[in-house]
C-alpha atoms as a PDB file:
ATOM      1  CA  THR A   1      -6.845 298.693  26.998  1.00  0.00           C
ATOM      2  CA  PRO A   2      -5.494 295.768  28.982  1.00  0.00           C
ATOM      3  CA  SER A   3      -6.313 295.364  32.638  1.00  0.00           C
ATOM      4  CA  MET A   4      -3.856 294.649  35.461  1.00  0.00           C
ATOM      5  CA  GLY A   5      -2.215 298.080  35.011  1.00  0.00           C
ATOM      6  CA  LEU A   6      -0.368 297.130  31.819  1.00  0.00           C
ATOM      7  CA  HIS A   7      -0.523 299.574  28.939  1.00  0.00           C
ATOM      8  CA  VAL A   8       1.068 297.925  25.927  1.00  0.00           C
ATOM      9  CA  GLU A   9       0.527 298.022  22.213  1.00  0.00           C
ATOM     10  CA  LYS A  10      -0.987 294.930  20.677  1.00  0.00           C
ATOM     11  CA  LYS A  11       1.526 293.318  18.372  1.00  0.00           C
ATOM     12  CA  HIS A  12       0.938 291.109  15.375  1.00  0.00           C
ATOM     13  CA  GLN A  13       1.006 288.208  17.812  1.00  0.00           C
ATOM     14  CA  ILE A  14      -1.201 285.542  19.349  1.00  0.00           C
ATOM     15  CA  THR A  15      -0.643 283.132  22.225  1.00  0.00           C
ATOM     16  CA  PHE A  16      -1.009 279.354  22.136  1.00  0.00           C
ATOM     17  CA  GLY A  17      -1.721 277.885  25.580  1.00  0.00           C
ATOM     18  CA  VAL A  18      -0.602 274.301  25.041  1.00  0.00           C
ATOM     19  CA  VAL A  19       0.124 273.322  28.655  1.00  0.00           C
ATOM     20  CA  ALA A  20      -2.390 271.961  31.194  1.00  0.00           C
ATOM     21  CA  THR A  21      -2.335 270.190  34.532  1.00  0.00           C
ATOM     22  CA  ARG A  22      -3.223 266.845  32.962  1.00  0.00           C
ATOM     23  CA  GLU A  23      -3.317 265.284  29.518  1.00  0.00           C
ATOM     24  CA  THR A  24      -7.119 265.078  29.361  1.00  0.00           C
ATOM     25  CA  LYS A  25      -7.301 268.892  29.460  1.00  0.00           C
ATOM     26  CA  MET A  26      -4.995 269.290  26.435  1.00  0.00           C
ATOM     27  CA  TRP A  27      -5.895 269.712  22.784  1.00  0.00           C
ATOM     28  CA  SER A  28      -3.325 267.651  20.874  1.00  0.00           C
ATOM     29  CA  MET A  29       0.051 269.088  19.931  1.00  0.00           C
ATOM     30  CA  GLU A  30      -0.548 267.864  16.378  1.00  0.00           C
ATOM     31  CA  SER A  31      -3.703 269.996  16.278  1.00  0.00           C
ATOM     32  CA  TYR A  32      -1.796 273.052  17.514  1.00  0.00           C
ATOM     33  CA  ARG A  33       0.866 272.412  14.862  1.00  0.00           C
ATOM     34  CA  ASP A  34      -1.742 272.117  12.111  1.00  0.00           C
ATOM     35  CA  LEU A  35      -3.449 275.300  13.316  1.00  0.00           C
ATOM     36  CA  ALA A  36      -0.080 277.091  13.382  1.00  0.00           C
ATOM     37  CA  ARG A  37       0.525 276.005   9.784  1.00  0.00           C
ATOM     38  CA  LEU A  38      -2.891 277.335   8.711  1.00  0.00           C
ATOM     39  CA  ILE A  39      -2.113 280.641  10.412  1.00  0.00           C
ATOM     40  CA  TYR A  40       1.353 280.763   8.837  1.00  0.00           C
ATOM     41  CA  ASN A  41      -0.048 280.070   5.375  1.00  0.00           C
ATOM     42  CA  ASP A  42      -2.588 282.859   5.848  1.00  0.00           C
ATOM     43  CA  ASP A  43      -0.158 285.335   7.419  1.00  0.00           C
ATOM     44  CA  PRO A  44       3.518 284.347   7.806  1.00  0.00           C
ATOM     45  CA  ASN A  45       4.106 287.494   9.871  1.00  0.00           C
ATOM     46  CA  MET A  46       1.658 286.517  12.624  1.00  0.00           C
ATOM     47  CA  LYS A  47       3.910 285.625  15.530  1.00  0.00           C
ATOM     48  CA  ILE A  48       2.698 282.794  17.761  1.00  0.00           C
ATOM     49  CA  ILE A  49       4.148 282.705  21.252  1.00  0.00           C
ATOM     50  CA  ILE A  50       4.004 279.471  23.225  1.00  0.00           C
ATOM     51  CA  PRO A  51       4.674 280.025  26.945  1.00  0.00           C
ATOM     52  CA  LEU A  52       6.309 277.063  28.686  1.00  0.00           C
ATOM     53  CA  GLY A  53       7.418 276.583  32.265  1.00  0.00           C
ATOM     54  CA  PRO A  54      10.451 274.913  33.815  1.00  0.00           C
ATOM     55  CA  GLY A  55       8.845 271.441  33.857  1.00  0.00           C
ATOM     56  CA  ASP A  56       7.603 271.507  30.262  1.00  0.00           C
ATOM     57  CA  ASP A  57      10.638 269.933  28.552  1.00  0.00           C
ATOM     58  CA  GLU A  58       8.562 267.096  27.100  1.00  0.00           C
ATOM     59  CA  ILE A  59       6.180 269.569  25.468  1.00  0.00           C
ATOM     60  CA  GLU A  60       9.085 271.652  24.165  1.00  0.00           C
ATOM     61  CA  ASN A  61      10.662 268.544  22.619  1.00  0.00           C
ATOM     62  CA  LYS A  62       7.331 267.633  21.025  1.00  0.00           C
ATOM     63  CA  ILE A  63       7.056 271.108  19.456  1.00  0.00           C
ATOM     64  CA  TYR A  64      10.489 270.663  17.848  1.00  0.00           C
ATOM     65  CA  GLU A  65       9.744 267.053  16.870  1.00  0.00           C
ATOM     66  CA  LEU A  66       6.485 268.057  15.158  1.00  0.00           C
ATOM     67  CA  ASP A  67       8.251 270.832  13.239  1.00  0.00           C
ATOM     68  CA  PHE A  68       6.004 273.750  14.132  1.00  0.00           C
ATOM     69  CA  PRO A  69       6.291 276.581  11.581  1.00  0.00           C
ATOM     70  CA  ARG A  70       8.924 279.269  12.050  1.00  0.00           C
ATOM     71  CA  ASN A  71       6.414 281.888  13.232  1.00  0.00           C
ATOM     72  CA  CYS A  72       6.079 279.908  16.503  1.00  0.00           C
ATOM     73  CA  HIS A  73       8.298 281.011  19.377  1.00  0.00           C
ATOM     74  CA  ILE A  74       8.631 279.269  22.720  1.00  0.00           C
ATOM     75  CA  ILE A  75       8.926 281.749  25.560  1.00  0.00           C
ATOM     76  CA  LYS A  76      10.016 280.951  29.096  1.00  0.00           C
ATOM     77  CA  GLU A  77       9.098 283.823  31.375  1.00  0.00           C
ATOM     78  CA  LYS A  78       8.879 283.857  35.133  1.00  0.00           C
ATOM     79  CA  LEU A  79       5.318 284.219  36.383  1.00  0.00           C
ATOM     80  CA  ASP A  80       5.776 287.892  37.296  1.00  0.00           C
ATOM     81  CA  ALA A  81       6.979 288.725  33.751  1.00  0.00           C
ATOM     82  CA  LEU A  82       4.394 286.604  31.947  1.00  0.00           C
ATOM     83  CA  PRO A  83       1.546 289.164  31.901  1.00  0.00           C
ATOM     84  CA  LYS A  84       3.660 291.702  29.988  1.00  0.00           C
ATOM     85  CA  ALA A  85       4.612 289.096  27.377  1.00  0.00           C
ATOM     86  CA  LEU A  86       1.000 287.966  26.978  1.00  0.00           C
ATOM     87  CA  ALA A  87      -0.495 291.486  26.978  1.00  0.00           C
ATOM     88  CA  GLU A  88       0.947 292.165  23.531  1.00  0.00           C
ATOM     89  CA  SER A  89      -1.176 289.376  21.987  1.00  0.00           C
ATOM     90  CA  LYS A  90      -4.338 289.913  19.978  1.00  0.00           C
ATOM     91  CA  LEU A  91      -5.772 286.501  20.898  1.00  0.00           C
ATOM     92  CA  TYR A  92      -5.244 283.507  23.183  1.00  0.00           C
ATOM     93  CA  ILE A  93      -5.962 280.057  21.754  1.00  0.00           C
ATOM     94  CA  GLY A  94      -5.544 277.216  24.163  1.00  0.00           C
ATOM     95  CA  ASN A  95      -6.482 274.899  26.939  1.00  0.00           C
ATOM     96  CA  ASP A  96      -8.578 276.084  29.861  1.00  0.00           C
ATOM     97  CA  THR A  97      -5.778 276.919  32.277  1.00  0.00           C
ATOM     98  CA  GLY A  98      -4.453 279.760  34.387  1.00  0.00           C
ATOM     99  CA  LEU A  99      -2.818 281.201  31.272  1.00  0.00           C
ATOM    100  CA  LYS A 100      -6.266 281.689  29.763  1.00  0.00           C
ATOM    101  CA  HIS A 101      -7.518 283.471  32.871  1.00  0.00           C
ATOM    102  CA  ILE A 102      -4.455 285.757  32.878  1.00  0.00           C
ATOM    103  CA  SER A 103      -5.148 286.553  29.217  1.00  0.00           C
ATOM    104  CA  ILE A 104      -8.748 287.445  30.000  1.00  0.00           C
ATOM    105  CA  ALA A 105      -7.629 289.667  32.894  1.00  0.00           C
ATOM    106  CA  LEU A 106      -5.372 291.447  30.387  1.00  0.00           C
ATOM    107  CA  GLY A 107      -8.317 292.119  28.057  1.00  0.00           C
ATOM    108  CA  ILE A 108      -7.262 289.562  25.448  1.00  0.00           C
ATOM    109  CA  PRO A 109     -10.027 287.670  23.604  1.00  0.00           C
ATOM    110  CA  THR A 110      -9.753 283.889  23.946  1.00  0.00           C
ATOM    111  CA  LEU A 111     -10.657 280.642  22.214  1.00  0.00           C
ATOM    112  CA  SER A 112     -10.566 277.896  24.862  1.00  0.00           C
ATOM    113  CA  PHE A 113     -10.714 274.114  24.829  1.00  0.00           C
ATOM    114  CA  PHE A 114     -12.707 272.309  27.501  1.00  0.00           C
ATOM    115  CA  GLY A 115     -12.303 268.564  27.682  1.00  0.00           C
ATOM    116  CA  PRO A 116     -13.143 266.866  30.958  1.00  0.00           C
ATOM    117  CA  GLU A 117     -14.782 269.732  32.840  1.00  0.00           C
ATOM    118  CA  PRO A 118     -17.866 271.774  32.000  1.00  0.00           C
ATOM    119  CA  PRO A 119     -17.265 275.381  30.960  1.00  0.00           C
ATOM    120  CA  THR A 120     -20.214 276.530  33.071  1.00  0.00           C
ATOM    121  CA  GLU A 121     -18.060 275.845  36.129  1.00  0.00           C
ATOM    122  CA  TRP A 122     -14.789 277.445  34.976  1.00  0.00           C
ATOM    123  CA  HIS A 123     -15.721 279.984  32.283  1.00  0.00           C
ATOM    124  CA  PRO A 124     -17.858 282.857  33.659  1.00  0.00           C
ATOM    125  CA  TYR A 125     -17.018 285.071  30.680  1.00  0.00           C
ATOM    126  CA  SER A 126     -18.909 286.504  27.739  1.00  0.00           C
ATOM    127  CA  THR A 127     -18.907 284.019  24.887  1.00  0.00           C
ATOM    128  CA  ASN A 128     -18.732 286.901  22.401  1.00  0.00           C
ATOM    129  CA  ASP A 129     -15.132 287.691  23.338  1.00  0.00           C
ATOM    130  CA  HIS A 130     -14.344 284.312  24.870  1.00  0.00           C
ATOM    131  CA  PRO A 131     -15.974 281.492  22.906  1.00  0.00           C
ATOM    132  CA  TYR A 132     -15.035 277.941  23.743  1.00  0.00           C
ATOM    133  CA  TYR A 133     -15.050 274.405  22.385  1.00  0.00           C
ATOM    134  CA  TYR A 134     -16.893 271.808  24.421  1.00  0.00           C
ATOM    135  CA  LYS A 135     -18.463 268.557  23.277  1.00  0.00           C
ATOM    136  CA  GLU A 136     -21.814 268.144  25.036  1.00  0.00           C
ATOM    137  CA  GLY A 137     -23.399 264.908  26.202  1.00  0.00           C
ATOM    138  CA  LEU A 138     -20.428 262.635  26.715  1.00  0.00           C
ATOM    139  CA  GLU A 139     -21.340 259.829  29.126  1.00  0.00           C
ATOM    140  CA  CYS A 140     -17.704 259.226  30.005  1.00  0.00           C
ATOM    141  CA  ARG A 141     -17.594 262.594  31.771  1.00  0.00           C
ATOM    142  CA  THR A 142     -20.249 261.681  34.306  1.00  0.00           C
ATOM    143  CA  GLN A 143     -19.450 258.073  35.222  1.00  0.00           C
ATOM    144  CA  ASN A 144     -17.942 258.947  38.603  1.00  0.00           C
ATOM    145  CA  ALA A 145     -18.734 262.656  39.116  1.00  0.00           C
ATOM    146  CA  HIS A 146     -20.049 265.680  37.200  1.00  0.00           C
ATOM    147  CA  TYR A 147     -16.788 265.758  35.230  1.00  0.00           C
ATOM    148  CA  CYS A 148     -14.103 263.369  33.985  1.00  0.00           C
ATOM    149  CA  GLY A 149     -11.315 262.982  36.514  1.00  0.00           C
ATOM    150  CA  LEU A 150      -9.016 260.913  34.319  1.00  0.00           C
ATOM    151  CA  SER A 151      -5.419 262.035  33.827  1.00  0.00           C
ATOM    152  CA  THR A 152      -5.078 260.166  30.536  1.00  0.00           C
ATOM    153  CA  CYS A 153      -7.604 258.835  28.048  1.00  0.00           C
ATOM    154  CA  ASP A 154      -7.300 256.634  24.996  1.00  0.00           C
ATOM    155  CA  SER A 155     -10.059 258.259  22.945  1.00  0.00           C
ATOM    156  CA  MET A 156      -9.832 261.949  23.940  1.00  0.00           C
ATOM    157  CA  ILE A 157     -13.189 262.286  22.185  1.00  0.00           C
ATOM    158  CA  CYS A 158     -13.947 265.397  24.229  1.00  0.00           C
ATOM    159  CA  LEU A 159     -11.186 267.356  22.463  1.00  0.00           C
ATOM    160  CA  SER A 160     -10.286 265.419  19.319  1.00  0.00           C
ATOM    161  CA  SER A 161     -13.540 266.355  17.594  1.00  0.00           C
ATOM    162  CA  PHE A 162     -12.454 269.998  17.218  1.00  0.00           C
ATOM    163  CA  SER A 163     -10.446 270.396  14.025  1.00  0.00           C
ATOM    164  CA  PRO A 164      -7.665 272.896  13.395  1.00  0.00           C
ATOM    165  CA  SER A 165      -9.601 274.193  10.365  1.00  0.00           C
ATOM    166  CA  GLU A 166     -12.646 274.904  12.570  1.00  0.00           C
ATOM    167  CA  VAL A 167     -10.489 276.780  15.071  1.00  0.00           C
ATOM    168  CA  PHE A 168      -8.743 278.612  12.213  1.00  0.00           C
ATOM    169  CA  GLN A 169     -12.088 279.983  11.012  1.00  0.00           C
ATOM    170  CA  ASP A 170     -12.740 281.354  14.506  1.00  0.00           C
ATOM    171  CA  TYR A 171      -9.192 282.732  14.623  1.00  0.00           C
ATOM    172  CA  LEU A 172      -9.855 284.622  11.373  1.00  0.00           C
ATOM    173  CA  ARG A 173     -13.142 285.999  12.673  1.00  0.00           C
ATOM    174  CA  MET A 174     -11.543 287.171  15.900  1.00  0.00           C
ATOM    175  CA  THR A 175      -8.322 288.685  14.534  1.00  0.00           C
ATOM    176  CA  LYS A 176      -9.101 290.220  11.161  1.00  0.00           C
ATOM    177  CA  ASN A 177     -11.011 293.190  12.533  1.00  0.00           C
ATOM    178  CA  ARG A 178      -8.929 293.853  15.652  1.00  0.00           C
END
């Protein structure tokens, strides 16, 4: 059962956490779209919620521009209502952000993307229920500190190497028996 005092039924729903504090922490919107299409083709009834905040108009426009499949639904909840909306999900797939940590507190398994920062610093969770994607050994991360502090990056090699089909296989493994 979920933590944080919420007792809700899990729906046929997952959460995409597409927002982050800076671009270098974000898996590409095209990758999320392609993953959503793979999920839709496998199960058109799997609802994908995409929480966005008041300042996320650019991301919302990009979702419409990229023509995400019809099983994707943007939600705009105030922070105090967000846990209830998320608690109904079977899985969180997304960037390493506060949304991921809320999902974990709710007892939701996660698949997280780590780009510029090492997961050992920000991911103290069991990798059985909370696996993550992180490309080891990138010199660009440690040029000025123990992590990459860039806001933008031309190559995005830290996140672009993870394909939607790879994430889809993990999605299947984590949702088919839950």
